[in-house]
Amino acid sequence: MNIESIAFFKSPFTSKFGIPRQSGIVNELRGTIVFTDNYRQAEALRGLEDYDYLWLIWGFSEHVDAEKHATVRPPLLGGNERMGVWATRSPFRPNNLGLSSVRIASIDFTTPAIEVLGADLMDGTPIYDIKPYLPYVDSHSEARGGFTEQHSWQRLQVDIPFELSECLAEPDLQALRETLSLDPRPHYHDDDEREYGMPFMGWNIHFRVAHGVLHVVKWVRISAV
């Protein structure tokens, strides 16, 4: 079966580093679904205004040629313990398909395009299908969550200089703060002096982490190519 992209995702993140590891955990993170020429049809969005959430089926375009294994090491387990790939949401999957639930922020029927909140997709990610989220069948409050019930993300305190906060709109600043609080570093890294860089909203955000606090140390405008 051959599938083609119906849309691409426009995201503040232009690299894998820093992207939230699950959809919905950074609520203010905005992105846009931009349809390809073959699917740029306003009538295909008819009725979508009556829903709050969408399912996106998309492609891990950065992992197409990566070697795949039956077991993976989830970041939530510190990157040291192996689990079966089907028991995780690892990006290293045989068919490179991702699934995300996102909230609809607005719908542009003219372009057309859909602005969403809470996505975990990189800029340029191909989207293969869009389906409405249906609470009466998609929500299972009593369901077990496997190893995620015994482990949770330990959020960091985040120190963002005032000068940087002046460069970002308030929703984007909040999205950046929430993203950084999730600790974008590989979980086996624990070096107080190491500096990391993360692209976000056209800026390269540099930070260090020490004693549970993430300090943004500098930010550099990314030049347009």
C-alpha atoms as a PDB file:
ATOM      1  CA  MET A   1       0.000   0.000   0.000  1.00  0.00           C
ATOM      2  CA  ASN A   2       1.325   3.393  -0.969  1.00  0.00           C
ATOM      3  CA  ILE A   3       0.288   6.434   1.020  1.00  0.00           C
ATOM      4  CA  GLU A   4       0.897  10.076   0.237  1.00  0.00           C
ATOM      5  CA  SER A   5       1.056  13.161   2.393  1.00  0.00           C
ATOM      6  CA  ILE A   6      -2.155  15.149   2.586  1.00  0.00           C
ATOM      7  CA  ALA A   7      -0.499  17.947   4.559  1.00  0.00           C
ATOM      8  CA  PHE A   8       2.677  19.073   6.284  1.00  0.00           C
ATOM      9  CA  PHE A   9       3.060  20.457   9.771  1.00  0.00           C
ATOM     10  CA  LYS A  10       4.367  23.944  10.495  1.00  0.00           C
ATOM     11  CA  SER A  11       5.993  23.904  13.934  1.00  0.00           C
ATOM     12  CA  PRO A  12       8.165  26.165  16.121  1.00  0.00           C
ATOM     13  CA  PHE A  13      10.631  23.244  16.281  1.00  0.00           C
ATOM     14  CA  THR A  14      12.920  22.826  13.276  1.00  0.00           C
ATOM     15  CA  SER A  15      14.824  19.876  14.777  1.00  0.00           C
ATOM     16  CA  LYS A  16      13.943  16.818  16.859  1.00  0.00           C
ATOM     17  CA  PHE A  17      15.730  18.148  19.927  1.00  0.00           C
ATOM     18  CA  GLY A  18      13.329  19.753  22.378  1.00  0.00           C
ATOM     19  CA  ILE A  19      10.053  18.518  20.891  1.00  0.00           C
ATOM     20  CA  PRO A  20       7.698  17.331  23.671  1.00  0.00           C
ATOM     21  CA  ARG A  21       7.826  13.545  23.937  1.00  0.00           C
ATOM     22  CA  GLN A  22       4.036  13.229  23.840  1.00  0.00           C
ATOM     23  CA  SER A  23       1.230  15.280  22.368  1.00  0.00           C
ATOM     24  CA  GLY A  24      -0.855  17.287  24.815  1.00  0.00           C
ATOM     25  CA  ILE A  25       1.764  17.830  27.514  1.00  0.00           C
ATOM     26  CA  VAL A  26       2.608  21.364  26.341  1.00  0.00           C
ATOM     27  CA  ASN A  27      -0.869  22.814  25.957  1.00  0.00           C
ATOM     28  CA  GLU A  28       0.142  26.225  24.603  1.00  0.00           C
ATOM     29  CA  LEU A  29       2.387  24.882  21.848  1.00  0.00           C
ATOM     30  CA  ARG A  30       0.948  26.109  18.553  1.00  0.00           C
ATOM     31  CA  GLY A  31       1.377  24.609  15.112  1.00  0.00           C
ATOM     32  CA  THR A  32      -0.397  24.617  11.772  1.00  0.00           C
ATOM     33  CA  ILE A  33      -1.555  21.865   9.434  1.00  0.00           C
ATOM     34  CA  VAL A  34      -0.840  23.079   5.891  1.00  0.00           C
ATOM     35  CA  PHE A  35      -2.458  21.025   3.140  1.00  0.00           C
ATOM     36  CA  THR A  36      -0.707  19.917  -0.039  1.00  0.00           C
ATOM     37  CA  ASP A  37      -1.991  21.115  -3.416  1.00  0.00           C
ATOM     38  CA  ASN A  38      -3.944  17.917  -4.076  1.00  0.00           C
ATOM     39  CA  TYR A  39      -5.830  18.210  -0.766  1.00  0.00           C
ATOM     40  CA  ARG A  40      -6.255  21.972  -0.458  1.00  0.00           C
ATOM     41  CA  GLN A  41     -10.042  21.737  -0.513  1.00  0.00           C
ATOM     42  CA  ALA A  42     -12.161  23.719   1.937  1.00  0.00           C
ATOM     43  CA  GLU A  43     -15.090  21.303   1.586  1.00  0.00           C
ATOM     44  CA  ALA A  44     -12.958  18.518   3.072  1.00  0.00           C
ATOM     45  CA  LEU A  45     -12.988  20.458   6.376  1.00  0.00           C
ATOM     46  CA  ARG A  46     -16.760  20.885   6.460  1.00  0.00           C
ATOM     47  CA  GLY A  47     -18.119  19.967   9.928  1.00  0.00           C
ATOM     48  CA  LEU A  48     -14.699  20.053  11.601  1.00  0.00           C
ATOM     49  CA  GLU A  49     -15.710  23.202  13.512  1.00  0.00           C
ATOM     50  CA  ASP A  50     -17.973  21.036  15.676  1.00  0.00           C
ATOM     51  CA  TYR A  51     -15.017  19.121  17.187  1.00  0.00           C
ATOM     52  CA  ASP A  52     -12.427  20.106  19.778  1.00  0.00           C
ATOM     53  CA  TYR A  53      -9.675  17.548  19.111  1.00  0.00           C
ATOM     54  CA  LEU A  54      -8.141  15.705  16.173  1.00  0.00           C
ATOM     55  CA  TRP A  55      -6.112  12.557  15.665  1.00  0.00           C
ATOM     56  CA  LEU A  56      -3.149  13.074  13.350  1.00  0.00           C
ATOM     57  CA  ILE A  57      -1.515  10.123  11.597  1.00  0.00           C
ATOM     58  CA  TRP A  58       1.918  11.229  10.465  1.00  0.00           C
ATOM     59  CA  GLY A  59       5.409  10.081   9.552  1.00  0.00           C
ATOM     60  CA  PHE A  60       8.635   9.981  11.570  1.00  0.00           C
ATOM     61  CA  SER A  61      10.495  11.466   8.628  1.00  0.00           C
ATOM     62  CA  GLU A  62      13.790  11.720  10.545  1.00  0.00           C
ATOM     63  CA  HIS A  63      13.886   7.972  11.308  1.00  0.00           C
ATOM     64  CA  VAL A  64      13.091   6.421   7.922  1.00  0.00           C
ATOM     65  CA  ASP A  65      16.524   4.841   7.490  1.00  0.00           C
ATOM     66  CA  ALA A  66      17.220   4.185  11.177  1.00  0.00           C
ATOM     67  CA  GLU A  67      17.758   0.592  12.275  1.00  0.00           C
ATOM     68  CA  LYS A  68      14.669  -0.836  13.977  1.00  0.00           C
ATOM     69  CA  HIS A  69      14.618  -3.331  16.881  1.00  0.00           C
ATOM     70  CA  ALA A  70      12.009  -5.369  18.761  1.00  0.00           C
ATOM     71  CA  THR A  71      12.884  -3.531  21.987  1.00  0.00           C
ATOM     72  CA  VAL A  72      13.588   0.140  22.698  1.00  0.00           C
ATOM     73  CA  ARG A  73      14.738   2.240  25.648  1.00  0.00           C
ATOM     74  CA  PRO A  74      11.994   4.726  26.640  1.00  0.00           C
ATOM     75  CA  PRO A  75      13.259   8.111  27.916  1.00  0.00           C
ATOM     76  CA  LEU A  76      10.723   7.925  30.763  1.00  0.00           C
ATOM     77  CA  LEU A  77      12.664   4.921  32.117  1.00  0.00           C
ATOM     78  CA  GLY A  78      15.925   6.844  31.993  1.00  0.00           C
ATOM     79  CA  GLY A  79      17.011   5.453  28.656  1.00  0.00           C
ATOM     80  CA  ASN A  80      18.511   2.357  30.313  1.00  0.00           C
ATOM     81  CA  GLU A  81      15.661  -0.170  30.592  1.00  0.00           C
ATOM     82  CA  ARG A  82      14.373  -1.940  27.491  1.00  0.00           C
ATOM     83  CA  MET A  83      10.699  -2.461  26.645  1.00  0.00           C
ATOM     84  CA  GLY A  84       8.981  -4.067  23.670  1.00  0.00           C
ATOM     85  CA  VAL A  85       8.469  -1.532  20.899  1.00  0.00           C
ATOM     86  CA  TRP A  86       4.696  -2.193  20.856  1.00  0.00           C
ATOM     87  CA  ALA A  87       4.531  -1.262  24.561  1.00  0.00           C
ATOM     88  CA  THR A  88       6.009   2.182  23.850  1.00  0.00           C
ATOM     89  CA  ARG A  89       5.522   5.207  21.640  1.00  0.00           C
ATOM     90  CA  SER A  90       9.099   5.118  20.405  1.00  0.00           C
ATOM     91  CA  PRO A  91       9.715   6.887  17.065  1.00  0.00           C
ATOM     92  CA  PHE A  92      11.793   3.902  15.899  1.00  0.00           C
ATOM     93  CA  ARG A  93       8.957   1.857  14.408  1.00  0.00           C
ATOM     94  CA  PRO A  94       8.832  -0.469  11.386  1.00  0.00           C
ATOM     95  CA  ASN A  95       6.517   1.758   9.325  1.00  0.00           C
ATOM     96  CA  ASN A  96       7.660   5.096  10.834  1.00  0.00           C
ATOM     97  CA  LEU A  97       4.078   6.129  11.654  1.00  0.00           C
ATOM     98  CA  GLY A  98       3.147   8.467  14.492  1.00  0.00           C
ATOM     99  CA  LEU A  99      -0.209   9.153  16.148  1.00  0.00           C
ATOM    100  CA  SER A 100      -1.008  12.362  18.025  1.00  0.00           C
ATOM    101  CA  SER A 101      -4.077  13.925  19.605  1.00  0.00           C
ATOM    102  CA  VAL A 102      -4.166  17.720  19.221  1.00  0.00           C
ATOM    103  CA  ARG A 103      -6.634  20.450  20.136  1.00  0.00           C
ATOM    104  CA  ILE A 104      -8.150  22.604  17.396  1.00  0.00           C
ATOM    105  CA  ALA A 105      -7.311  26.276  17.948  1.00  0.00           C
ATOM    106  CA  SER A 106      -8.795  27.665  14.739  1.00  0.00           C
ATOM    107  CA  ILE A 107      -9.777  26.642  11.230  1.00  0.00           C
ATOM    108  CA  ASP A 108      -9.050  28.720   8.149  1.00  0.00           C
ATOM    109  CA  PHE A 109     -11.518  27.612   5.473  1.00  0.00           C
ATOM    110  CA  THR A 110     -10.029  30.045   2.958  1.00  0.00           C
ATOM    111  CA  THR A 111      -6.441  28.807   2.770  1.00  0.00           C
ATOM    112  CA  PRO A 112      -7.424  26.160   4.047  1.00  0.00           C
ATOM    113  CA  ALA A 113      -5.360  25.321   7.143  1.00  0.00           C
ATOM    114  CA  ILE A 114      -5.881  24.178  10.736  1.00  0.00           C
ATOM    115  CA  GLU A 115      -4.102  25.731  13.712  1.00  0.00           C
ATOM    116  CA  VAL A 116      -3.738  23.266  16.581  1.00  0.00           C
ATOM    117  CA  LEU A 117      -2.386  23.166  20.133  1.00  0.00           C
ATOM    118  CA  GLY A 118      -0.278  20.566  21.915  1.00  0.00           C
ATOM    119  CA  ALA A 119       1.345  18.790  18.959  1.00  0.00           C
ATOM    120  CA  ASP A 120       4.600  16.848  19.211  1.00  0.00           C
ATOM    121  CA  LEU A 121       5.559  17.181  15.538  1.00  0.00           C
ATOM    122  CA  MET A 122       8.661  18.727  14.005  1.00  0.00           C
ATOM    123  CA  ASP A 123       8.457  21.415  11.363  1.00  0.00           C
ATOM    124  CA  GLY A 124       7.879  19.847   7.943  1.00  0.00           C
ATOM    125  CA  THR A 125       6.490  16.552   9.275  1.00  0.00           C
ATOM    126  CA  PRO A 126       4.290  14.817   6.677  1.00  0.00           C
ATOM    127  CA  ILE A 127       0.694  14.164   7.739  1.00  0.00           C
ATOM    128  CA  TYR A 128      -1.063  11.189   6.140  1.00  0.00           C
ATOM    129  CA  ASP A 129      -4.537  11.407   7.644  1.00  0.00           C
ATOM    130  CA  ILE A 130      -6.725  13.463   9.990  1.00  0.00           C
ATOM    131  CA  LYS A 131      -9.608  12.048  12.000  1.00  0.00           C
ATOM    132  CA  PRO A 132     -11.889  13.696  14.583  1.00  0.00           C
ATOM    133  CA  TYR A 133     -11.413  12.737  18.236  1.00  0.00           C
ATOM    134  CA  LEU A 134     -14.618  11.173  19.581  1.00  0.00           C
ATOM    135  CA  PRO A 135     -14.907  11.310  23.403  1.00  0.00           C
ATOM    136  CA  TYR A 136     -17.481   8.520  23.634  1.00  0.00           C
ATOM    137  CA  VAL A 137     -15.120   5.953  22.097  1.00  0.00           C
ATOM    138  CA  ASP A 138     -11.633   7.504  22.337  1.00  0.00           C
ATOM    139  CA  SER A 139     -11.618   8.327  26.063  1.00  0.00           C
ATOM    140  CA  HIS A 140     -11.085   5.483  28.560  1.00  0.00           C
ATOM    141  CA  SER A 141     -10.559   6.997  31.997  1.00  0.00           C
ATOM    142  CA  GLU A 142     -10.286   3.578  33.677  1.00  0.00           C
ATOM    143  CA  ALA A 143      -7.580   2.263  31.335  1.00  0.00           C
ATOM    144  CA  ARG A 144      -4.198   1.135  32.662  1.00  0.00           C
ATOM    145  CA  GLY A 145      -1.106   3.007  31.485  1.00  0.00           C
ATOM    146  CA  GLY A 146       1.668   0.437  31.834  1.00  0.00           C
ATOM    147  CA  PHE A 147       5.052   1.688  33.009  1.00  0.00           C
ATOM    148  CA  THR A 148       3.887   5.311  32.662  1.00  0.00           C
ATOM    149  CA  GLU A 149       1.861   4.866  35.860  1.00  0.00           C
ATOM    150  CA  GLN A 150       4.978   4.078  37.896  1.00  0.00           C
ATOM    151  CA  HIS A 151       7.109   6.818  36.341  1.00  0.00           C
ATOM    152  CA  SER A 152       6.377  10.455  35.596  1.00  0.00           C
ATOM    153  CA  TRP A 153       8.312  13.326  34.088  1.00  0.00           C
ATOM    154  CA  GLN A 154      10.128  15.293  36.780  1.00  0.00           C
ATOM    155  CA  ARG A 155       9.675  18.880  35.686  1.00  0.00           C
ATOM    156  CA  LEU A 156      12.489  21.374  36.110  1.00  0.00           C
ATOM    157  CA  GLN A 157      12.255  24.930  37.307  1.00  0.00           C
ATOM    158  CA  VAL A 158      12.956  27.230  34.370  1.00  0.00           C
ATOM    159  CA  ASP A 159      14.849  30.518  34.502  1.00  0.00           C
ATOM    160  CA  ILE A 160      14.228  32.646  31.386  1.00  0.00           C
ATOM    161  CA  PRO A 161      15.854  36.099  31.295  1.00  0.00           C
ATOM    162  CA  PHE A 162      13.476  39.014  30.940  1.00  0.00           C
ATOM    163  CA  GLU A 163      15.205  40.115  27.729  1.00  0.00           C
ATOM    164  CA  LEU A 164      14.220  36.858  26.010  1.00  0.00           C
ATOM    165  CA  SER A 165      10.661  37.018  27.324  1.00  0.00           C
ATOM    166  CA  GLU A 166      10.363  40.382  25.572  1.00  0.00           C
ATOM    167  CA  CYS A 167      11.146  38.673  22.239  1.00  0.00           C
ATOM    168  CA  LEU A 168       8.246  36.217  22.361  1.00  0.00           C
ATOM    169  CA  ALA A 169       4.484  36.540  22.465  1.00  0.00           C
ATOM    170  CA  GLU A 170       3.001  35.413  25.787  1.00  0.00           C
ATOM    171  CA  PRO A 171       1.541  32.099  24.489  1.00  0.00           C
ATOM    172  CA  ASP A 172       4.860  31.232  22.819  1.00  0.00           C
ATOM    173  CA  LEU A 173       6.785  32.149  25.966  1.00  0.00           C
ATOM    174  CA  GLN A 174       4.529  29.874  28.009  1.00  0.00           C
ATOM    175  CA  ALA A 175       5.006  27.050  25.480  1.00  0.00           C
ATOM    176  CA  LEU A 176       8.777  27.498  25.667  1.00  0.00           C
ATOM    177  CA  ARG A 177       8.724  27.458  29.466  1.00  0.00           C
ATOM    178  CA  GLU A 178       6.620  24.270  29.571  1.00  0.00           C
ATOM    179  CA  THR A 179       8.817  22.602  26.958  1.00  0.00           C
ATOM    180  CA  LEU A 180      12.025  23.396  28.821  1.00  0.00           C
ATOM    181  CA  SER A 181      10.515  22.253  32.128  1.00  0.00           C
ATOM    182  CA  LEU A 182      10.216  18.745  30.641  1.00  0.00           C
ATOM    183  CA  ASP A 183      14.046  18.611  30.336  1.00  0.00           C
ATOM    184  CA  PRO A 184      14.833  18.176  26.614  1.00  0.00           C
ATOM    185  CA  ARG A 185      18.229  16.600  27.361  1.00  0.00           C
ATOM    186  CA  PRO A 186      18.864  12.880  26.832  1.00  0.00           C
ATOM    187  CA  HIS A 187      18.113  11.318  30.212  1.00  0.00           C
ATOM    188  CA  TYR A 188      21.589   9.836  30.541  1.00  0.00           C
ATOM    189  CA  HIS A 189      23.122  13.331  30.435  1.00  0.00           C
ATOM    190  CA  ASP A 190      23.843  14.904  33.808  1.00  0.00           C
ATOM    191  CA  ASP A 191      26.543  17.515  33.344  1.00  0.00           C
ATOM    192  CA  ASP A 192      25.988  20.864  35.083  1.00  0.00           C
ATOM    193  CA  GLU A 193      28.454  22.605  32.770  1.00  0.00           C
ATOM    194  CA  ARG A 194      27.221  21.273  29.445  1.00  0.00           C
ATOM    195  CA  GLU A 195      25.405  23.783  27.249  1.00  0.00           C
ATOM    196  CA  TYR A 196      22.579  22.694  24.955  1.00  0.00           C
ATOM    197  CA  GLY A 197      20.962  24.455  22.025  1.00  0.00           C
ATOM    198  CA  MET A 198      17.327  24.093  20.947  1.00  0.00           C
ATOM    199  CA  PRO A 199      15.682  25.842  17.970  1.00  0.00           C
ATOM    200  CA  PHE A 200      12.351  27.438  18.812  1.00  0.00           C
ATOM    201  CA  MET A 201      10.317  30.102  16.985  1.00  0.00           C
ATOM    202  CA  GLY A 202      13.311  31.227  14.928  1.00  0.00           C
ATOM    203  CA  TRP A 203      15.659  31.402  17.925  1.00  0.00           C
ATOM    204  CA  ASN A 204      18.394  29.044  19.037  1.00  0.00           C
ATOM    205  CA  ILE A 205      17.798  28.748  22.777  1.00  0.00           C
ATOM    206  CA  HIS A 206      20.937  27.820  24.747  1.00  0.00           C
ATOM    207  CA  PHE A 207      20.588  26.456  28.271  1.00  0.00           C
ATOM    208  CA  ARG A 208      22.270  24.613  31.118  1.00  0.00           C
ATOM    209  CA  VAL A 209      20.733  22.498  33.871  1.00  0.00           C
ATOM    210  CA  ALA A 210      22.007  22.420  37.446  1.00  0.00           C
ATOM    211  CA  HIS A 211      20.365  21.239  40.678  1.00  0.00           C
ATOM    212  CA  GLY A 212      16.902  20.903  39.156  1.00  0.00           C
ATOM    213  CA  VAL A 213      16.882  24.339  37.522  1.00  0.00           C
ATOM    214  CA  LEU A 214      17.190  24.985  33.792  1.00  0.00           C
ATOM    215  CA  HIS A 215      18.879  28.299  33.061  1.00  0.00           C
ATOM    216  CA  VAL A 216      18.571  29.895  29.620  1.00  0.00           C
ATOM    217  CA  VAL A 217      22.044  31.396  29.108  1.00  0.00           C
ATOM    218  CA  LYS A 218      21.726  32.926  25.643  1.00  0.00           C
ATOM    219  CA  TRP A 219      19.480  33.055  22.583  1.00  0.00           C
ATOM    220  CA  VAL A 220      20.562  33.633  19.000  1.00  0.00           C
ATOM    221  CA  ARG A 221      18.361  34.531  16.054  1.00  0.00           C
ATOM    222  CA  ILE A 222      18.477  31.775  13.424  1.00  0.00           C
ATOM    223  CA  SER A 223      19.338  33.207  10.032  1.00  0.00           C
ATOM    224  CA  ALA A 224      16.892  32.475   7.221  1.00  0.00           C
ATOM    225  CA  VAL A 225      18.364  30.295   4.479  1.00  0.00           C
END
